[in-house]
Amino acid sequence: MSDTLLLAPLAEPIHLDEVRAHLRAPSGQPGQDAAIRRMIAAARRRVESWCRRALVRQQRLYVLDCFPAEIEIPVGPLRAVQSIQYVDTAGATQTLAASAYRVDTYSERARI
């Protein structure tokens, strides 16, 4: 299985001003602000990796080697499934009808 981030978060879960106030760092220093933004993003990614949960909305692509009866989504929470596609025996890409599967977003680990 591969997991690819398609659309990165548009905003971080904590604002630059909050971090700057916590660090008691003065405002108006572009170099320092850029470094703090990088630290915020790195901290978010670390927490998401450790908890296996997305802290902010993002779009991901999961690719599986086979078509199991149940697909457990490794990173939650799951908000929606855009589509399920597969390659048929003729080598053509097909899209599975939404009526052919159920999405469980209520469990701790979302399942399809």
Protein backbone atom coordinates (compact mmCIF):
# COMPACT_ATOMS: atom_id res chain seq x y z
CA MET A 1 0.00 0.00 0.00
CA SER A 2 1.16 3.52 -0.69
CA ASP A 3 -0.16 6.70 0.86
CA THR A 4 0.41 9.98 -0.98
CA LEU A 5 -0.55 13.46 0.15
CA LEU A 6 -2.36 15.08 -2.80
CA LEU A 7 -3.50 18.36 -1.27
CA ALA A 8 -1.50 19.71 1.64
CA PRO A 9 -3.27 21.51 4.48
CA LEU A 10 -4.21 25.08 3.64
CA ALA A 11 -3.50 26.26 7.19
CA GLU A 12 -1.73 24.95 10.26
CA PRO A 13 -3.63 24.05 13.45
CA ILE A 14 -1.86 26.79 15.41
CA HIS A 15 -1.31 30.38 14.32
CA LEU A 16 2.09 32.04 14.01
CA ASP A 17 1.10 34.76 16.50
CA GLU A 18 0.27 32.15 19.17
CA VAL A 19 3.65 30.48 18.78
CA ARG A 20 5.47 33.80 18.67
CA ALA A 21 3.73 34.85 21.91
CA HIS A 22 4.59 31.52 23.55
CA LEU A 23 8.25 31.89 22.55
CA ARG A 24 8.23 35.57 23.53
CA ALA A 25 9.67 36.30 20.08
CA PRO A 26 9.32 39.83 18.73
CA SER A 27 7.20 40.39 15.61
CA GLY A 28 8.41 41.96 12.39
CA GLN A 29 11.36 39.63 11.81
CA PRO A 30 10.68 37.82 8.49
CA GLY A 31 13.56 35.35 8.87
CA GLN A 32 12.45 34.33 12.34
CA ASP A 33 8.78 34.07 11.25
CA ALA A 34 9.76 31.77 8.38
CA ALA A 35 11.70 29.54 10.77
CA ILE A 36 8.77 29.42 13.20
CA ARG A 37 6.37 28.50 10.35
CA ARG A 38 8.68 25.62 9.35
CA MET A 39 8.76 24.43 12.97
CA ILE A 40 4.95 24.57 13.20
CA ALA A 41 4.60 22.48 10.02
CA ALA A 42 7.25 20.00 11.18
CA ALA A 43 5.58 19.63 14.58
CA ARG A 44 2.17 19.03 12.93
CA ARG A 45 3.62 16.38 10.60
CA ARG A 46 5.35 14.66 13.54
CA VAL A 47 2.17 14.55 15.63
CA GLU A 48 0.13 13.32 12.64
CA SER A 49 2.67 10.56 11.98
CA TRP A 50 2.79 9.51 15.60
CA CYS A 51 -1.00 9.61 16.16
CA ARG A 52 -1.94 8.45 12.64
CA ARG A 53 -4.49 11.26 12.55
CA ALA A 54 -4.74 14.35 10.36
CA LEU A 55 -4.92 17.48 12.50
CA VAL A 56 -6.11 19.63 9.58
CA ARG A 57 -8.06 18.84 6.42
CA GLN A 58 -6.00 17.28 3.62
CA GLN A 59 -6.53 15.10 0.57
CA ARG A 60 -4.76 11.75 0.27
CA LEU A 61 -4.40 8.97 -2.33
CA TYR A 62 -4.19 5.33 -1.23
CA VAL A 63 -3.00 2.71 -3.68
CA LEU A 64 -3.42 -0.98 -2.84
CA ASP A 65 -1.88 -4.03 -4.52
CA CYS A 66 -5.12 -5.99 -4.32
CA PHE A 67 -8.83 -5.40 -3.79
CA PRO A 68 -9.61 -6.64 -0.26
CA ALA A 69 -13.12 -7.14 1.10
CA GLU A 70 -12.48 -4.34 3.61
CA ILE A 71 -10.12 -1.38 3.32
CA GLU A 72 -8.94 0.16 6.60
CA ILE A 73 -7.89 3.77 6.16
CA PRO A 74 -4.54 4.26 7.95
CA VAL A 75 -4.92 8.00 8.68
CA GLY A 76 -8.10 9.45 10.15
CA PRO A 77 -10.48 11.00 10.48
CA LEU A 78 -12.05 10.19 7.13
CA ARG A 79 -14.44 12.88 5.89
CA ALA A 80 -15.31 11.51 2.44
CA VAL A 81 -14.28 9.08 -0.28
CA GLN A 82 -13.92 10.85 -3.62
CA SER A 83 -13.74 7.65 -5.71
CA ILE A 84 -12.51 4.08 -5.80
CA GLN A 85 -10.75 3.09 -8.98
CA TYR A 86 -9.26 -0.21 -10.06
CA VAL A 87 -7.54 -1.73 -13.07
CA ASP A 88 -9.61 -4.50 -14.66
CA THR A 89 -8.26 -7.67 -16.31
CA ALA A 90 -8.05 -5.87 -19.68
CA GLY A 91 -5.81 -3.22 -18.12
CA ALA A 92 -8.42 -0.44 -18.23
CA THR A 93 -9.03 1.83 -15.24
CA GLN A 94 -12.57 1.53 -13.90
CA THR A 95 -14.40 3.55 -11.24
CA LEU A 96 -16.43 1.59 -8.71
CA ALA A 97 -19.98 2.89 -8.30
CA ALA A 98 -20.56 4.56 -4.93
CA SER A 99 -23.57 2.27 -4.43
CA ALA A 100 -21.21 -0.76 -4.52
CA TYR A 101 -19.45 0.08 -1.24
CA ARG A 102 -20.15 1.52 2.21
CA VAL A 103 -17.97 3.99 4.07
CA ASP A 104 -17.67 3.71 7.87
CA THR A 105 -16.51 7.06 9.21
CA TYR A 106 -17.72 6.39 12.76
CA SER A 107 -15.13 3.81 13.82
CA GLU A 108 -11.78 4.86 15.25
CA ARG A 109 -10.21 3.52 12.05
CA ALA A 110 -12.42 4.38 9.09
CA ARG A 111 -13.23 1.50 6.78
CA ILE A 112 -14.57 1.02 3.28
